[in-house]
Amino acid sequence: MTRGPALRILDVNFNRAREGLRVCEELCRFALDNARLRTRLRGVRHALGALVKSDRFNATVLAAARDSRRDVGRQYDAMESRRAGLADVFAANIERVKESLRVLEEVSKTVDAEAPATFKALRFEVYDIEKKALRRLASVRDHDRPLGNATHRERASGRGRRR
């Protein structure tokens, strides 16, 4: 494999992992009100951000390898158009993060000898966070279903409108 495609793969997976982490972080912050899980997710996201800015993975080099316009995976996937609730949003995004970390772990082997171990450690940290968050999100699941224009949670807090 030439370095160009490897850099494109690394670039897209750095971005995908950080985006997914941010979604999960926001859910832990606002749906769970769980500062500990939010902080752990933020730590993983910041670790990835530090790696992409390092000399090992230069953000400028990765961005230069990017070709968003001609990306054959750019089209919108109908499977992504619907989520049953916040627990499903979390589950979809944490899967995206785990998959991206695995890709980073494997492809980074072609450009840096030390990075794969870092990605593997981050992936296992995400596994642990996922287990704890999904347990907590299960209790939120029924409260995220829409009732008219408001969810159960919004009605309980007085923020939702009744028709």
C-alpha atoms as a PDB file:
ATOM      1  CA  MET A   1       0.000   0.000   0.000  1.00  0.00           C
ATOM      2  CA  THR A   2       1.334   3.411  -0.858  1.00  0.00           C
ATOM      3  CA  ARG A   3       1.446   6.033   1.858  1.00  0.00           C
ATOM      4  CA  GLY A   4      -1.338   8.166   0.274  1.00  0.00           C
ATOM      5  CA  PRO A   5      -4.204   5.710   0.832  1.00  0.00           C
ATOM      6  CA  ALA A   6      -2.922   4.891   4.335  1.00  0.00           C
ATOM      7  CA  LEU A   7      -2.935   8.589   5.203  1.00  0.00           C
ATOM      8  CA  ARG A   8      -6.490   8.970   3.860  1.00  0.00           C
ATOM      9  CA  ILE A   9      -7.638   5.991   5.934  1.00  0.00           C
ATOM     10  CA  LEU A  10      -5.950   7.388   9.033  1.00  0.00           C
ATOM     11  CA  ASP A  11      -7.437  10.841   8.438  1.00  0.00           C
ATOM     12  CA  VAL A  12     -11.016   9.650   8.026  1.00  0.00           C
ATOM     13  CA  ASN A  13     -10.791   7.341  11.034  1.00  0.00           C
ATOM     14  CA  PHE A  14      -9.263   9.981  13.302  1.00  0.00           C
ATOM     15  CA  ASN A  15     -12.174  12.234  12.348  1.00  0.00           C
ATOM     16  CA  ARG A  16     -14.825   9.514  12.657  1.00  0.00           C
ATOM     17  CA  ALA A  17     -13.581   8.407  16.074  1.00  0.00           C
ATOM     18  CA  ARG A  18     -13.441  11.952  17.464  1.00  0.00           C
ATOM     19  CA  GLU A  19     -16.895  12.806  16.085  1.00  0.00           C
ATOM     20  CA  GLY A  20     -18.407   9.644  17.591  1.00  0.00           C
ATOM     21  CA  LEU A  21     -16.707  10.313  20.913  1.00  0.00           C
ATOM     22  CA  ARG A  22     -18.127  13.830  20.958  1.00  0.00           C
ATOM     23  CA  VAL A  23     -21.676  12.544  20.414  1.00  0.00           C
ATOM     24  CA  CYS A  24     -21.252   9.985  23.211  1.00  0.00           C
ATOM     25  CA  GLU A  25     -19.699  12.627  25.445  1.00  0.00           C
ATOM     26  CA  GLU A  26     -22.704  14.921  24.971  1.00  0.00           C
ATOM     27  CA  LEU A  27     -25.122  12.083  25.754  1.00  0.00           C
ATOM     28  CA  CYS A  28     -23.260  11.255  28.959  1.00  0.00           C
ATOM     29  CA  ARG A  29     -23.278  14.937  29.862  1.00  0.00           C
ATOM     30  CA  PHE A  30     -26.891  15.823  29.070  1.00  0.00           C
ATOM     31  CA  ALA A  31     -28.878  12.544  29.039  1.00  0.00           C
ATOM     32  CA  LEU A  32     -27.078  10.832  31.913  1.00  0.00           C
ATOM     33  CA  ASP A  33     -25.734  13.851  33.798  1.00  0.00           C
ATOM     34  CA  ASN A  34     -22.658  11.694  34.379  1.00  0.00           C
ATOM     35  CA  ALA A  35     -19.509  13.770  34.701  1.00  0.00           C
ATOM     36  CA  ARG A  36     -17.245  10.751  35.195  1.00  0.00           C
ATOM     37  CA  LEU A  37     -18.220   9.027  31.930  1.00  0.00           C
ATOM     38  CA  ARG A  38     -18.144  12.348  30.082  1.00  0.00           C
ATOM     39  CA  THR A  39     -14.652  13.041  31.399  1.00  0.00           C
ATOM     40  CA  ARG A  40     -13.399   9.596  30.371  1.00  0.00           C
ATOM     41  CA  LEU A  41     -14.802   9.990  26.851  1.00  0.00           C
ATOM     42  CA  ARG A  42     -13.316  13.462  26.647  1.00  0.00           C
ATOM     43  CA  GLY A  43      -9.955  12.015  27.712  1.00  0.00           C
ATOM     44  CA  VAL A  44     -10.032   9.506  24.843  1.00  0.00           C
ATOM     45  CA  ARG A  45     -11.061  12.241  22.397  1.00  0.00           C
ATOM     46  CA  HIS A  46      -8.266  14.511  23.605  1.00  0.00           C
ATOM     47  CA  ALA A  47      -5.734  11.669  23.396  1.00  0.00           C
ATOM     48  CA  LEU A  48      -6.709  11.174  19.736  1.00  0.00           C
ATOM     49  CA  GLY A  49      -6.499  14.926  19.170  1.00  0.00           C
ATOM     50  CA  ALA A  50      -3.010  15.003  20.647  1.00  0.00           C
ATOM     51  CA  LEU A  51      -1.928  12.094  18.446  1.00  0.00           C
ATOM     52  CA  VAL A  52      -3.220  13.704  15.265  1.00  0.00           C
ATOM     53  CA  LYS A  53      -1.368  16.919  16.129  1.00  0.00           C
ATOM     54  CA  SER A  54       1.880  15.127  16.950  1.00  0.00           C
ATOM     55  CA  ASP A  55       4.842  14.595  14.659  1.00  0.00           C
ATOM     56  CA  ARG A  56       3.795  10.934  14.385  1.00  0.00           C
ATOM     57  CA  PHE A  57       0.525  11.889  12.649  1.00  0.00           C
ATOM     58  CA  ASN A  58       0.791  15.408  11.362  1.00  0.00           C
ATOM     59  CA  ALA A  59      -2.688  16.928  10.971  1.00  0.00           C
ATOM     60  CA  THR A  60      -1.548  18.999   8.005  1.00  0.00           C
ATOM     61  CA  VAL A  61      -0.206  15.920   6.200  1.00  0.00           C
ATOM     62  CA  LEU A  62      -3.385  13.969   6.924  1.00  0.00           C
ATOM     63  CA  ALA A  63      -5.604  16.821   5.737  1.00  0.00           C
ATOM     64  CA  ALA A  64      -3.534  17.135   2.561  1.00  0.00           C
ATOM     65  CA  ALA A  65      -4.202  13.454   1.809  1.00  0.00           C
ATOM     66  CA  ARG A  66      -7.966  13.987   2.230  1.00  0.00           C
ATOM     67  CA  ASP A  67     -10.169  13.857  -0.872  1.00  0.00           C
ATOM     68  CA  SER A  68     -13.720  14.362   0.417  1.00  0.00           C
ATOM     69  CA  ARG A  69     -15.223  15.235  -2.949  1.00  0.00           C
ATOM     70  CA  ARG A  70     -14.279  11.942  -4.557  1.00  0.00           C
ATOM     71  CA  ASP A  71     -14.790   9.757  -1.479  1.00  0.00           C
ATOM     72  CA  VAL A  72     -16.876   6.787  -2.624  1.00  0.00           C
ATOM     73  CA  GLY A  73     -18.254   6.408   0.920  1.00  0.00           C
ATOM     74  CA  ARG A  74     -19.580   9.946   1.050  1.00  0.00           C
ATOM     75  CA  GLN A  75     -23.230   9.220   0.221  1.00  0.00           C
ATOM     76  CA  TYR A  76     -25.816   9.196   2.980  1.00  0.00           C
ATOM     77  CA  ASP A  77     -26.747   5.762   4.274  1.00  0.00           C
ATOM     78  CA  ALA A  78     -30.474   5.238   4.888  1.00  0.00           C
ATOM     79  CA  MET A  79     -29.613   3.084   7.926  1.00  0.00           C
ATOM     80  CA  GLU A  80     -28.334   6.231   9.626  1.00  0.00           C
ATOM     81  CA  SER A  81     -31.561   8.181   9.159  1.00  0.00           C
ATOM     82  CA  ARG A  82     -33.460   6.868  12.173  1.00  0.00           C
ATOM     83  CA  ARG A  83     -32.665   6.159  15.819  1.00  0.00           C
ATOM     84  CA  ALA A  84     -35.209   4.868  18.339  1.00  0.00           C
ATOM     85  CA  GLY A  85     -33.838   7.020  21.158  1.00  0.00           C
ATOM     86  CA  LEU A  86     -30.742   8.359  22.822  1.00  0.00           C
ATOM     87  CA  ALA A  87     -29.543   4.897  23.846  1.00  0.00           C
ATOM     88  CA  ASP A  88     -29.550   3.924  20.163  1.00  0.00           C
ATOM     89  CA  VAL A  89     -27.686   7.115  19.251  1.00  0.00           C
ATOM     90  CA  PHE A  90     -25.063   6.254  21.864  1.00  0.00           C
ATOM     91  CA  ALA A  91     -24.811   2.619  20.700  1.00  0.00           C
ATOM     92  CA  ALA A  92     -24.365   3.613  17.042  1.00  0.00           C
ATOM     93  CA  ASN A  93     -21.694   6.169  17.849  1.00  0.00           C
ATOM     94  CA  ILE A  94     -19.737   4.037  20.306  1.00  0.00           C
ATOM     95  CA  GLU A  95     -19.640   1.278  17.649  1.00  0.00           C
ATOM     96  CA  ARG A  96     -18.334   3.826  15.151  1.00  0.00           C
ATOM     97  CA  VAL A  97     -15.622   4.808  17.657  1.00  0.00           C
ATOM     98  CA  LYS A  98     -14.552   1.211  18.344  1.00  0.00           C
ATOM     99  CA  GLU A  99     -14.413   0.383  14.637  1.00  0.00           C
ATOM    100  CA  SER A 100     -12.406   3.505  13.868  1.00  0.00           C
ATOM    101  CA  LEU A 101      -9.939   2.799  16.661  1.00  0.00           C
ATOM    102  CA  ARG A 102      -9.441  -0.703  15.296  1.00  0.00           C
ATOM    103  CA  VAL A 103      -8.789   0.687  11.802  1.00  0.00           C
ATOM    104  CA  LEU A 104      -6.350   3.219  13.261  1.00  0.00           C
ATOM    105  CA  GLU A 105      -4.607   0.421  15.153  1.00  0.00           C
ATOM    106  CA  GLU A 106      -4.199  -1.725  12.040  1.00  0.00           C
ATOM    107  CA  VAL A 107      -3.359   0.930   9.427  1.00  0.00           C
ATOM    108  CA  SER A 108      -0.989   2.831  11.722  1.00  0.00           C
ATOM    109  CA  LYS A 109       1.225  -0.263  11.646  1.00  0.00           C
ATOM    110  CA  THR A 110       2.209   0.849   8.127  1.00  0.00           C
ATOM    111  CA  VAL A 111       3.456   4.274   9.235  1.00  0.00           C
ATOM    112  CA  ASP A 112       4.420   4.119  12.938  1.00  0.00           C
ATOM    113  CA  ALA A 113       5.654   1.221  15.047  1.00  0.00           C
ATOM    114  CA  GLU A 114       4.494   2.564  18.426  1.00  0.00           C
ATOM    115  CA  ALA A 115       1.044   3.923  17.588  1.00  0.00           C
ATOM    116  CA  PRO A 116      -0.843   0.611  17.321  1.00  0.00           C
ATOM    117  CA  ALA A 117      -0.400  -0.090  21.037  1.00  0.00           C
ATOM    118  CA  THR A 118      -1.788   3.365  21.859  1.00  0.00           C
ATOM    119  CA  PHE A 119      -4.865   2.815  19.692  1.00  0.00           C
ATOM    120  CA  LYS A 120      -5.415  -0.611  21.223  1.00  0.00           C
ATOM    121  CA  ALA A 121      -5.263   0.848  24.755  1.00  0.00           C
ATOM    122  CA  LEU A 122      -7.758   3.562  23.773  1.00  0.00           C
ATOM    123  CA  ARG A 123     -10.057   0.948  22.227  1.00  0.00           C
ATOM    124  CA  PHE A 124     -10.085  -1.077  25.452  1.00  0.00           C
ATOM    125  CA  GLU A 125     -10.785   2.086  27.444  1.00  0.00           C
ATOM    126  CA  VAL A 126     -13.794   2.681  25.163  1.00  0.00           C
ATOM    127  CA  TYR A 127     -15.003  -0.898  25.760  1.00  0.00           C
ATOM    128  CA  ASP A 128     -15.064  -0.211  29.492  1.00  0.00           C
ATOM    129  CA  ILE A 129     -16.807   3.153  29.099  1.00  0.00           C
ATOM    130  CA  GLU A 130     -19.375   1.575  26.766  1.00  0.00           C
ATOM    131  CA  LYS A 131     -20.284  -1.097  29.302  1.00  0.00           C
ATOM    132  CA  LYS A 132     -20.877   1.447  32.038  1.00  0.00           C
ATOM    133  CA  ALA A 133     -22.743   3.919  29.835  1.00  0.00           C
ATOM    134  CA  LEU A 134     -25.056   1.368  28.218  1.00  0.00           C
ATOM    135  CA  ARG A 135     -26.096   0.113  31.649  1.00  0.00           C
ATOM    136  CA  ARG A 136     -27.035   3.652  32.651  1.00  0.00           C
ATOM    137  CA  LEU A 137     -28.662   4.467  29.309  1.00  0.00           C
ATOM    138  CA  ALA A 138     -30.952   1.439  29.617  1.00  0.00           C
ATOM    139  CA  SER A 139     -32.751   3.261  32.423  1.00  0.00           C
ATOM    140  CA  VAL A 140     -33.143   6.336  30.194  1.00  0.00           C
ATOM    141  CA  ARG A 141     -34.407   4.340  27.183  1.00  0.00           C
ATOM    142  CA  ASP A 142     -38.139   4.541  27.982  1.00  0.00           C
ATOM    143  CA  HIS A 143     -37.896   8.219  28.821  1.00  0.00           C
ATOM    144  CA  ASP A 144     -36.626   9.164  25.376  1.00  0.00           C
ATOM    145  CA  ARG A 145     -39.644   7.970  23.420  1.00  0.00           C
ATOM    146  CA  PRO A 146     -41.694  10.802  21.977  1.00  0.00           C
ATOM    147  CA  LEU A 147     -45.092  11.630  23.453  1.00  0.00           C
ATOM    148  CA  GLY A 148     -46.672  14.107  21.107  1.00  0.00           C
ATOM    149  CA  ASN A 149     -44.134  16.899  20.804  1.00  0.00           C
ATOM    150  CA  ALA A 150     -42.303  16.078  24.049  1.00  0.00           C
ATOM    151  CA  THR A 151     -40.436  13.121  25.466  1.00  0.00           C
ATOM    152  CA  HIS A 152     -41.285  11.581  28.835  1.00  0.00           C
ATOM    153  CA  ARG A 153     -38.246  13.339  30.284  1.00  0.00           C
ATOM    154  CA  GLU A 154     -39.315  16.762  28.966  1.00  0.00           C
ATOM    155  CA  ARG A 155     -42.832  16.315  30.328  1.00  0.00           C
ATOM    156  CA  ALA A 156     -41.471  15.278  33.708  1.00  0.00           C
ATOM    157  CA  SER A 157     -39.316  18.403  33.852  1.00  0.00           C
ATOM    158  CA  GLY A 158     -42.143  20.645  32.684  1.00  0.00           C
ATOM    159  CA  ARG A 159     -40.328  21.593  29.451  1.00  0.00           C
ATOM    160  CA  GLY A 160     -42.552  19.610  27.080  1.00  0.00           C
ATOM    161  CA  ARG A 161     -45.796  20.907  25.668  1.00  0.00           C
ATOM    162  CA  ARG A 162     -49.007  18.988  26.077  1.00  0.00           C
ATOM    163  CA  ARG A 163     -51.536  18.996  23.249  1.00  0.00           C
END
